[in-house]
Amino acid sequence: MDLNLNGIVGDVGVWGVVGFITGYALKKLLKLTMALIGAYILSLFYLQQKGVITINTDKLFNLANNITQQVMGLGQKVLGILPGTGSFVAGFYIGFKKG
């Protein structure tokens, strides 16, 4: 039985690096997205306080909840498409924690 350890180690290393980069980039993207959404909502509340607009807060928070659920569903679909190797998942976790 001929076991190609170089190929196995190479695949583990590559998928680990890909997972790390993906996790790191995703965390940075999430931080930027959350900052933009927060700034937008704060601007809406500022305009409401000044009397420029009227906000139905129940609908706004329901909309935010629906968007959050859609993003989580998309995240689950993406994770289903990505390779399920342990090295990718470990690299993704480390990259997400470091981001």
PDB file of N, CA and C in Angstrom:
ATOM      1  N   MET A   1       0.860  -1.174   0.000  1.00  0.00           N
ATOM      2  CA  MET A   1       0.000   0.000   0.000  1.00  0.00           C
ATOM      3  C   MET A   1       0.903   1.232   0.000  1.00  0.00           C
ATOM      4  N   ASP A   2       0.719   2.067  -0.999  1.00  0.00           N
ATOM      5  CA  ASP A   2       1.538   3.268  -1.157  1.00  0.00           C
ATOM      6  C   ASP A   2       0.712   4.479  -0.728  1.00  0.00           C
ATOM      7  N   LEU A   3       1.108   5.092   0.363  1.00  0.00           N
ATOM      8  CA  LEU A   3       0.381   6.241   0.903  1.00  0.00           C
ATOM      9  C   LEU A   3       1.156   7.503   0.567  1.00  0.00           C
ATOM     10  N   ASN A   4       0.521   8.430  -0.125  1.00  0.00           N
ATOM     11  CA  ASN A   4       1.169   9.672  -0.541  1.00  0.00           C
ATOM     12  C   ASN A   4       0.947  10.732   0.535  1.00  0.00           C
ATOM     13  N   LEU A   5       1.856  10.770   1.510  1.00  0.00           N
ATOM     14  CA  LEU A   5       1.717  11.732   2.609  1.00  0.00           C
ATOM     15  C   LEU A   5       1.935  13.162   2.152  1.00  0.00           C
ATOM     16  N   ASN A   6       2.810  13.374   1.177  1.00  0.00           N
ATOM     17  CA  ASN A   6       3.044  14.736   0.686  1.00  0.00           C
ATOM     18  C   ASN A   6       1.767  15.336   0.107  1.00  0.00           C
ATOM     19  N   GLY A   7       1.011  14.531  -0.624  1.00  0.00           N
ATOM     20  CA  GLY A   7      -0.248  15.016  -1.199  1.00  0.00           C
ATOM     21  C   GLY A   7      -1.276  15.325  -0.133  1.00  0.00           C
ATOM     22  N   ILE A   8      -1.347  14.467   0.879  1.00  0.00           N
ATOM     23  CA  ILE A   8      -2.315  14.666   1.964  1.00  0.00           C
ATOM     24  C   ILE A   8      -1.962  15.909   2.763  1.00  0.00           C
ATOM     25  N   VAL A   9      -0.686  16.029   3.127  1.00  0.00           N
ATOM     26  CA  VAL A   9      -0.251  17.194   3.897  1.00  0.00           C
ATOM     27  C   VAL A   9      -0.444  18.472   3.089  1.00  0.00           C
ATOM     28  N   GLY A  10      -0.176  18.407   1.790  1.00  0.00           N
ATOM     29  CA  GLY A  10      -0.373  19.576   0.926  1.00  0.00           C
ATOM     30  C   GLY A  10      -1.829  19.999   0.872  1.00  0.00           C
ATOM     31  N   ASP A  11      -2.727  19.034   0.721  1.00  0.00           N
ATOM     32  CA  ASP A  11      -4.158  19.346   0.687  1.00  0.00           C
ATOM     33  C   ASP A  11      -4.635  19.939   1.997  1.00  0.00           C
ATOM     34  N   VAL A  12      -4.183  19.356   3.110  1.00  0.00           N
ATOM     35  CA  VAL A  12      -4.570  19.868   4.423  1.00  0.00           C
ATOM     36  C   VAL A  12      -4.074  21.299   4.586  1.00  0.00           C
ATOM     37  N   GLY A  13      -2.835  21.555   4.196  1.00  0.00           N
ATOM     38  CA  GLY A  13      -2.269  22.902   4.313  1.00  0.00           C
ATOM     39  C   GLY A  13      -2.985  23.912   3.448  1.00  0.00           C
ATOM     40  N   VAL A  14      -3.286  23.510   2.203  1.00  0.00           N
ATOM     41  CA  VAL A  14      -3.965  24.428   1.281  1.00  0.00           C
ATOM     42  C   VAL A  14      -5.358  24.757   1.790  1.00  0.00           C
ATOM     43  N   TRP A  15      -6.125  23.721   2.183  1.00  0.00           N
ATOM     44  CA  TRP A  15      -7.486  23.978   2.657  1.00  0.00           C
ATOM     45  C   TRP A  15      -7.488  24.728   3.983  1.00  0.00           C
ATOM     46  N   GLY A  16      -6.482  24.517   4.797  1.00  0.00           N
ATOM     47  CA  GLY A  16      -6.368  25.285   6.038  1.00  0.00           C
ATOM     48  C   GLY A  16      -6.132  26.760   5.761  1.00  0.00           C
ATOM     49  N   VAL A  17      -5.248  27.058   4.805  1.00  0.00           N
ATOM     50  CA  VAL A  17      -4.968  28.456   4.440  1.00  0.00           C
ATOM     51  C   VAL A  17      -6.195  29.088   3.794  1.00  0.00           C
ATOM     52  N   VAL A  18      -6.862  28.341   2.911  1.00  0.00           N
ATOM     53  CA  VAL A  18      -8.080  28.864   2.272  1.00  0.00           C
ATOM     54  C   VAL A  18      -9.144  29.140   3.330  1.00  0.00           C
ATOM     55  N   GLY A  19      -9.297  28.246   4.288  1.00  0.00           N
ATOM     56  CA  GLY A  19     -10.258  28.451   5.368  1.00  0.00           C
ATOM     57  C   GLY A  19      -9.911  29.670   6.201  1.00  0.00           C
ATOM     58  N   PHE A  20      -8.622  29.838   6.532  1.00  0.00           N
ATOM     59  CA  PHE A  20      -8.186  30.990   7.318  1.00  0.00           C
ATOM     60  C   PHE A  20      -8.502  32.293   6.586  1.00  0.00           C
ATOM     61  N   ILE A  21      -8.152  32.369   5.319  1.00  0.00           N
ATOM     62  CA  ILE A  21      -8.389  33.586   4.530  1.00  0.00           C
ATOM     63  C   ILE A  21      -9.882  33.864   4.418  1.00  0.00           C
ATOM     64  N   THR A  22     -10.669  32.821   4.197  1.00  0.00           N
ATOM     65  CA  THR A  22     -12.122  32.992   4.090  1.00  0.00           C
ATOM     66  C   THR A  22     -12.711  33.493   5.407  1.00  0.00           C
ATOM     67  N   GLY A  23     -12.322  32.895   6.512  1.00  0.00           N
ATOM     68  CA  GLY A  23     -12.831  33.313   7.819  1.00  0.00           C
ATOM     69  C   GLY A  23     -12.427  34.737   8.157  1.00  0.00           C
ATOM     70  N   TYR A  24     -11.174  35.077   7.888  1.00  0.00           N
ATOM     71  CA  TYR A  24     -10.666  36.418   8.169  1.00  0.00           C
ATOM     72  C   TYR A  24     -11.414  37.464   7.341  1.00  0.00           C
ATOM     73  N   ALA A  25     -11.560  37.187   6.047  1.00  0.00           N
ATOM     74  CA  ALA A  25     -12.245  38.129   5.163  1.00  0.00           C
ATOM     75  C   ALA A  25     -13.717  38.269   5.531  1.00  0.00           C
ATOM     76  N   LEU A  26     -14.363  37.166   5.874  1.00  0.00           N
ATOM     77  CA  LEU A  26     -15.774  37.217   6.242  1.00  0.00           C
ATOM     78  C   LEU A  26     -15.989  38.049   7.496  1.00  0.00           C
ATOM     79  N   LYS A  27     -15.106  37.908   8.485  1.00  0.00           N
ATOM     80  CA  LYS A  27     -15.267  38.686   9.705  1.00  0.00           C
ATOM     81  C   LYS A  27     -15.089  40.179   9.421  1.00  0.00           C
ATOM     82  N   LYS A  28     -14.104  40.530   8.599  1.00  0.00           N
ATOM     83  CA  LYS A  28     -13.898  41.942   8.237  1.00  0.00           C
ATOM     84  C   LYS A  28     -15.109  42.481   7.482  1.00  0.00           C
ATOM     85  N   LEU A  29     -15.644  41.676   6.568  1.00  0.00           N
ATOM     86  CA  LEU A  29     -16.819  42.098   5.805  1.00  0.00           C
ATOM     87  C   LEU A  29     -18.027  42.278   6.718  1.00  0.00           C
ATOM     88  N   LEU A  30     -18.210  41.378   7.668  1.00  0.00           N
ATOM     89  CA  LEU A  30     -19.328  41.500   8.614  1.00  0.00           C
ATOM     90  C   LEU A  30     -19.189  42.748   9.473  1.00  0.00           C
ATOM     91  N   LYS A  31     -17.972  43.055   9.913  1.00  0.00           N
ATOM     92  CA  LYS A  31     -17.767  44.263  10.721  1.00  0.00           C
ATOM     93  C   LYS A  31     -18.109  45.513   9.926  1.00  0.00           C
ATOM     94  N   LEU A  32     -17.665  45.567   8.682  1.00  0.00           N
ATOM     95  CA  LEU A  32     -17.956  46.723   7.832  1.00  0.00           C
ATOM     96  C   LEU A  32     -19.451  46.847   7.578  1.00  0.00           C
ATOM     97  N   THR A  33     -20.095  45.725   7.281  1.00  0.00           N
ATOM     98  CA  THR A  33     -21.531  45.736   7.016  1.00  0.00           C
ATOM     99  C   THR A  33     -22.311  46.192   8.243  1.00  0.00           C
ATOM    100  N   MET A  34     -21.955  45.677   9.402  1.00  0.00           N
ATOM    101  CA  MET A  34     -22.660  46.069  10.620  1.00  0.00           C
ATOM    102  C   MET A  34     -22.444  47.550  10.940  1.00  0.00           C
ATOM    103  N   ALA A  35     -21.251  48.071  10.685  1.00  0.00           N
ATOM    104  CA  ALA A  35     -20.986  49.491  10.918  1.00  0.00           C
ATOM    105  C   ALA A  35     -21.837  50.353   9.990  1.00  0.00           C
ATOM    106  N   LEU A  36     -21.949  49.956   8.733  1.00  0.00           N
ATOM    107  CA  LEU A  36     -22.761  50.722   7.782  1.00  0.00           C
ATOM    108  C   LEU A  36     -24.243  50.670   8.140  1.00  0.00           C
ATOM    109  N   ILE A  37     -24.727  49.500   8.511  1.00  0.00           N
ATOM    110  CA  ILE A  37     -26.132  49.373   8.909  1.00  0.00           C
ATOM    111  C   ILE A  37     -26.397  50.198  10.169  1.00  0.00           C
ATOM    112  N   GLY A  38     -25.489  50.150  11.115  1.00  0.00           N
ATOM    113  CA  GLY A  38     -25.641  50.933  12.346  1.00  0.00           C
ATOM    114  C   GLY A  38     -25.675  52.422  12.064  1.00  0.00           C
ATOM    115  N   ALA A  39     -24.784  52.890  11.196  1.00  0.00           N
ATOM    116  CA  ALA A  39     -24.763  54.313  10.842  1.00  0.00           C
ATOM    117  C   ALA A  39     -26.053  54.714  10.145  1.00  0.00           C
ATOM    118  N   TYR A  40     -26.561  53.844   9.284  1.00  0.00           N
ATOM    119  CA  TYR A  40     -27.808  54.133   8.573  1.00  0.00           C
ATOM    120  C   TYR A  40     -28.983  54.230   9.552  1.00  0.00           C
ATOM    121  N   ILE A  41     -29.084  53.284  10.470  1.00  0.00           N
ATOM    122  CA  ILE A  41     -30.188  53.296  11.434  1.00  0.00           C
ATOM    123  C   ILE A  41     -30.071  54.509  12.360  1.00  0.00           C
ATOM    124  N   LEU A  42     -28.855  54.834  12.790  1.00  0.00           N
ATOM    125  CA  LEU A  42     -28.675  56.030  13.618  1.00  0.00           C
ATOM    126  C   LEU A  42     -29.093  57.295  12.863  1.00  0.00           C
ATOM    127  N   SER A  43     -28.781  57.354  11.583  1.00  0.00           N
ATOM    128  CA  SER A  43     -29.175  58.528  10.798  1.00  0.00           C
ATOM    129  C   SER A  43     -30.695  58.616  10.683  1.00  0.00           C
ATOM    130  N   LEU A  44     -31.350  57.456  10.550  1.00  0.00           N
ATOM    131  CA  LEU A  44     -32.815  57.465  10.497  1.00  0.00           C
ATOM    132  C   LEU A  44     -33.405  57.968  11.815  1.00  0.00           C
ATOM    133  N   PHE A  45     -32.880  57.495  12.936  1.00  0.00           N
ATOM    134  CA  PHE A  45     -33.390  57.947  14.228  1.00  0.00           C
ATOM    135  C   PHE A  45     -33.092  59.427  14.461  1.00  0.00           C
ATOM    136  N   TYR A  46     -31.968  59.917  13.962  1.00  0.00           N
ATOM    137  CA  TYR A  46     -31.639  61.339  14.071  1.00  0.00           C
ATOM    138  C   TYR A  46     -32.661  62.173  13.277  1.00  0.00           C
ATOM    139  N   LEU A  47     -32.963  61.713  12.057  1.00  0.00           N
ATOM    140  CA  LEU A  47     -33.948  62.433  11.242  1.00  0.00           C
ATOM    141  C   LEU A  47     -35.341  62.375  11.867  1.00  0.00           C
ATOM    142  N   GLN A  48     -35.667  61.266  12.512  1.00  0.00           N
ATOM    143  CA  GLN A  48     -36.953  61.167  13.196  1.00  0.00           C
ATOM    144  C   GLN A  48     -37.004  62.137  14.365  1.00  0.00           C
ATOM    145  N   GLN A  49     -35.910  62.238  15.118  1.00  0.00           N
ATOM    146  CA  GLN A  49     -35.871  63.134  16.266  1.00  0.00           C
ATOM    147  C   GLN A  49     -36.029  64.584  15.823  1.00  0.00           C
ATOM    148  N   LYS A  50     -35.473  64.935  14.672  1.00  0.00           N
ATOM    149  CA  LYS A  50     -35.571  66.301  14.147  1.00  0.00           C
ATOM    150  C   LYS A  50     -36.910  66.574  13.477  1.00  0.00           C
ATOM    151  N   GLY A  51     -37.757  65.554  13.346  1.00  0.00           N
ATOM    152  CA  GLY A  51     -39.078  65.743  12.776  1.00  0.00           C
ATOM    153  C   GLY A  51     -39.110  65.681  11.262  1.00  0.00           C
ATOM    154  N   VAL A  52     -38.044  65.265  10.638  1.00  0.00           N
ATOM    155  CA  VAL A  52     -37.983  65.193   9.178  1.00  0.00           C
ATOM    156  C   VAL A  52     -38.742  63.980   8.659  1.00  0.00           C
ATOM    157  N   ILE A  53     -38.633  62.856   9.360  1.00  0.00           N
ATOM    158  CA  ILE A  53     -39.314  61.633   8.949  1.00  0.00           C
ATOM    159  C   ILE A  53     -40.007  61.013  10.153  1.00  0.00           C
ATOM    160  N   THR A  54     -40.904  60.069   9.870  1.00  0.00           N
ATOM    161  CA  THR A  54     -41.560  59.285  10.903  1.00  0.00           C
ATOM    162  C   THR A  54     -41.229  57.822  10.649  1.00  0.00           C
ATOM    163  N   ILE A  55     -40.810  57.114  11.681  1.00  0.00           N
ATOM    164  CA  ILE A  55     -40.393  55.722  11.536  1.00  0.00           C
ATOM    165  C   ILE A  55     -41.358  54.825  12.287  1.00  0.00           C
ATOM    166  N   ASN A  56     -41.818  53.785  11.607  1.00  0.00           N
ATOM    167  CA  ASN A  56     -42.579  52.731  12.266  1.00  0.00           C
ATOM    168  C   ASN A  56     -41.544  51.739  12.797  1.00  0.00           C
ATOM    169  N   THR A  57     -41.198  51.871  14.067  1.00  0.00           N
ATOM    170  CA  THR A  57     -40.094  51.078  14.629  1.00  0.00           C
ATOM    171  C   THR A  57     -40.388  49.580  14.616  1.00  0.00           C
ATOM    172  N   ASP A  58     -41.656  49.196  14.785  1.00  0.00           N
ATOM    173  CA  ASP A  58     -41.988  47.768  14.734  1.00  0.00           C
ATOM    174  C   ASP A  58     -41.637  47.182  13.367  1.00  0.00           C
ATOM    175  N   LYS A  59     -42.018  47.873  12.308  1.00  0.00           N
ATOM    176  CA  LYS A  59     -41.708  47.384  10.967  1.00  0.00           C
ATOM    177  C   LYS A  59     -40.209  47.417  10.692  1.00  0.00           C
ATOM    178  N   LEU A  60     -39.522  48.438  11.213  1.00  0.00           N
ATOM    179  CA  LEU A  60     -38.076  48.530  11.010  1.00  0.00           C
ATOM    180  C   LEU A  60     -37.367  47.346  11.667  1.00  0.00           C
ATOM    181  N   PHE A  61     -37.733  47.016  12.897  1.00  0.00           N
ATOM    182  CA  PHE A  61     -37.076  45.908  13.581  1.00  0.00           C
ATOM    183  C   PHE A  61     -37.490  44.560  12.995  1.00  0.00           C
ATOM    184  N   ASN A  62     -38.733  44.436  12.512  1.00  0.00           N
ATOM    185  CA  ASN A  62     -39.133  43.206  11.819  1.00  0.00           C
ATOM    186  C   ASN A  62     -38.336  43.036  10.527  1.00  0.00           C
ATOM    187  N   LEU A  63     -38.116  44.140   9.816  1.00  0.00           N
ATOM    188  CA  LEU A  63     -37.315  44.098   8.589  1.00  0.00           C
ATOM    189  C   LEU A  63     -35.884  43.682   8.907  1.00  0.00           C
ATOM    190  N   ALA A  64     -35.331  44.239   9.959  1.00  0.00           N
ATOM    191  CA  ALA A  64     -33.963  43.881  10.352  1.00  0.00           C
ATOM    192  C   ALA A  64     -33.889  42.401  10.728  1.00  0.00           C
ATOM    193  N   ASN A  65     -34.905  41.897  11.408  1.00  0.00           N
ATOM    194  CA  ASN A  65     -34.947  40.483  11.780  1.00  0.00           C
ATOM    195  C   ASN A  65     -35.023  39.605  10.534  1.00  0.00           C
ATOM    196  N   ASN A  66     -35.848  39.985   9.568  1.00  0.00           N
ATOM    197  CA  ASN A  66     -35.970  39.207   8.334  1.00  0.00           C
ATOM    198  C   ASN A  66     -34.655  39.193   7.559  1.00  0.00           C
ATOM    199  N   ILE A  67     -33.993  40.326   7.504  1.00  0.00           N
ATOM    200  CA  ILE A  67     -32.716  40.393   6.797  1.00  0.00           C
ATOM    201  C   ILE A  67     -31.687  39.506   7.493  1.00  0.00           C
ATOM    202  N   THR A  68     -31.675  39.533   8.814  1.00  0.00           N
ATOM    203  CA  THR A  68     -30.751  38.697   9.568  1.00  0.00           C
ATOM    204  C   THR A  68     -30.998  37.215   9.285  1.00  0.00           C
ATOM    205  N   GLN A  69     -32.263  36.813   9.243  1.00  0.00           N
ATOM    206  CA  GLN A  69     -32.588  35.420   8.958  1.00  0.00           C
ATOM    207  C   GLN A  69     -32.164  35.037   7.546  1.00  0.00           C
ATOM    208  N   GLN A  70     -32.330  35.946   6.574  1.00  0.00           N
ATOM    209  CA  GLN A  70     -31.918  35.664   5.205  1.00  0.00           C
ATOM    210  C   GLN A  70     -30.405  35.510   5.104  1.00  0.00           C
ATOM    211  N   VAL A  71     -29.680  36.366   5.813  1.00  0.00           N
ATOM    212  CA  VAL A  71     -28.215  36.279   5.796  1.00  0.00           C
ATOM    213  C   VAL A  71     -27.755  34.972   6.428  1.00  0.00           C
ATOM    214  N   MET A  72     -28.390  34.570   7.527  1.00  0.00           N
ATOM    215  CA  MET A  72     -28.027  33.309   8.166  1.00  0.00           C
ATOM    216  C   MET A  72     -28.321  32.127   7.246  1.00  0.00           C
ATOM    217  N   GLY A  73     -29.440  32.168   6.540  1.00  0.00           N
ATOM    218  CA  GLY A  73     -29.766  31.110   5.582  1.00  0.00           C
ATOM    219  C   GLY A  73     -28.756  31.056   4.447  1.00  0.00           C
ATOM    220  N   LEU A  74     -28.339  32.231   3.970  1.00  0.00           N
ATOM    221  CA  LEU A  74     -27.328  32.288   2.928  1.00  0.00           C
ATOM    222  C   LEU A  74     -26.001  31.730   3.434  1.00  0.00           C
ATOM    223  N   GLY A  75     -25.667  32.058   4.672  1.00  0.00           N
ATOM    224  CA  GLY A  75     -24.437  31.537   5.269  1.00  0.00           C
ATOM    225  C   GLY A  75     -24.449  30.023   5.349  1.00  0.00           C
ATOM    226  N   GLN A  76     -25.588  29.458   5.701  1.00  0.00           N
ATOM    227  CA  GLN A  76     -25.694  28.003   5.770  1.00  0.00           C
ATOM    228  C   GLN A  76     -25.556  27.376   4.392  1.00  0.00           C
ATOM    229  N   LYS A  77     -26.124  28.017   3.363  1.00  0.00           N
ATOM    230  CA  LYS A  77     -25.990  27.512   1.999  1.00  0.00           C
ATOM    231  C   LYS A  77     -24.539  27.566   1.546  1.00  0.00           C
ATOM    232  N   VAL A  78     -23.862  28.664   1.852  1.00  0.00           N
ATOM    233  CA  VAL A  78     -22.459  28.802   1.460  1.00  0.00           C
ATOM    234  C   VAL A  78     -21.613  27.744   2.146  1.00  0.00           C
ATOM    235  N   LEU A  79     -21.851  27.518   3.433  1.00  0.00           N
ATOM    236  CA  LEU A  79     -21.090  26.488   4.147  1.00  0.00           C
ATOM    237  C   LEU A  79     -21.380  25.099   3.592  1.00  0.00           C
ATOM    238  N   GLY A  80     -22.580  24.900   3.049  1.00  0.00           N
ATOM    239  CA  GLY A  80     -22.905  23.627   2.416  1.00  0.00           C
ATOM    240  C   GLY A  80     -22.157  23.429   1.117  1.00  0.00           C
ATOM    241  N   ILE A  81     -21.853  24.520   0.418  1.00  0.00           N
ATOM    242  CA  ILE A  81     -21.133  24.447  -0.850  1.00  0.00           C
ATOM    243  C   ILE A  81     -19.637  24.268  -0.615  1.00  0.00           C
ATOM    244  N   LEU A  82     -19.118  24.928   0.403  1.00  0.00           N
ATOM    245  CA  LEU A  82     -17.681  24.888   0.673  1.00  0.00           C
ATOM    246  C   LEU A  82     -17.254  23.480   1.066  1.00  0.00           C
ATOM    247  N   PRO A  83     -16.004  23.165   0.828  1.00  0.00           N
ATOM    248  CA  PRO A  83     -15.534  21.826   1.187  1.00  0.00           C
ATOM    249  C   PRO A  83     -15.636  21.591   2.686  1.00  0.00           C
ATOM    250  N   GLY A  84     -16.037  20.406   3.050  1.00  0.00           N
ATOM    251  CA  GLY A  84     -16.251  20.094   4.456  1.00  0.00           C
ATOM    252  C   GLY A  84     -15.056  19.468   5.133  1.00  0.00           C
ATOM    253  N   THR A  85     -13.875  19.748   4.626  1.00  0.00           N
ATOM    254  CA  THR A  85     -12.697  19.146   5.245  1.00  0.00           C
ATOM    255  C   THR A  85     -12.427  19.783   6.595  1.00  0.00           C
ATOM    256  N   GLY A  86     -11.866  19.000   7.476  1.00  0.00           N
ATOM    257  CA  GLY A  86     -11.549  19.490   8.814  1.00  0.00           C
ATOM    258  C   GLY A  86     -10.550  20.622   8.796  1.00  0.00           C
ATOM    259  N   SER A  87      -9.590  20.564   7.875  1.00  0.00           N
ATOM    260  CA  SER A  87      -8.573  21.620   7.829  1.00  0.00           C
ATOM    261  C   SER A  87      -9.189  22.950   7.406  1.00  0.00           C
ATOM    262  N   PHE A  88     -10.155  22.905   6.487  1.00  0.00           N
ATOM    263  CA  PHE A  88     -10.820  24.140   6.070  1.00  0.00           C
ATOM    264  C   PHE A  88     -11.589  24.737   7.244  1.00  0.00           C
ATOM    265  N   VAL A  89     -12.333  23.897   7.943  1.00  0.00           N
ATOM    266  CA  VAL A  89     -13.135  24.369   9.068  1.00  0.00           C
ATOM    267  C   VAL A  89     -12.240  24.923  10.171  1.00  0.00           C
ATOM    268  N   ALA A  90     -11.143  24.236  10.458  1.00  0.00           N
ATOM    269  CA  ALA A  90     -10.213  24.712  11.485  1.00  0.00           C
ATOM    270  C   ALA A  90      -9.583  26.039  11.070  1.00  0.00           C
ATOM    271  N   GLY A  91      -9.165  26.136   9.805  1.00  0.00           N
ATOM    272  CA  GLY A  91      -8.588  27.387   9.306  1.00  0.00           C
ATOM    273  C   GLY A  91      -9.597  28.518   9.320  1.00  0.00           C
ATOM    274  N   PHE A  92     -10.849  28.197   8.947  1.00  0.00           N
ATOM    275  CA  PHE A  92     -11.912  29.201   8.954  1.00  0.00           C
ATOM    276  C   PHE A  92     -12.133  29.726  10.369  1.00  0.00           C
ATOM    277  N   TYR A  93     -12.185  28.827  11.331  1.00  0.00           N
ATOM    278  CA  TYR A  93     -12.399  29.206  12.729  1.00  0.00           C
ATOM    279  C   TYR A  93     -11.266  30.122  13.222  1.00  0.00           C
ATOM    280  N   ILE A  94     -10.034  29.731  12.939  1.00  0.00           N
ATOM    281  CA  ILE A  94      -8.897  30.537  13.379  1.00  0.00           C
ATOM    282  C   ILE A  94      -8.901  31.898  12.700  1.00  0.00           C
ATOM    283  N   GLY A  95      -9.188  31.916  11.400  1.00  0.00           N
ATOM    284  CA  GLY A  95      -9.236  33.196  10.674  1.00  0.00           C
ATOM    285  C   GLY A  95     -10.347  34.097  11.182  1.00  0.00           C
ATOM    286  N   PHE A  96     -11.491  33.507  11.492  1.00  0.00           N
ATOM    287  CA  PHE A  96     -12.627  34.295  11.986  1.00  0.00           C
ATOM    288  C   PHE A  96     -12.309  34.853  13.372  1.00  0.00           C
ATOM    289  N   LYS A  97     -11.643  34.081  14.208  1.00  0.00           N
ATOM    290  CA  LYS A  97     -11.283  34.547  15.545  1.00  0.00           C
ATOM    291  C   LYS A  97     -10.217  35.643  15.486  1.00  0.00           C
ATOM    292  N   LYS A  98      -9.287  35.570  14.535  1.00  0.00           N
ATOM    293  CA  LYS A  98      -8.207  36.550  14.421  1.00  0.00           C
ATOM    294  C   LYS A  98      -8.679  37.855  13.782  1.00  0.00           C
ATOM    295  N   GLY A  99      -9.750  37.775  12.988  1.00  0.00           N
ATOM    296  CA  GLY A  99     -10.235  38.951  12.265  1.00  0.00           C
ATOM    297  C   GLY A  99     -10.746  39.963  13.198  1.00  0.00           C
TER     298      GLY A  99
END
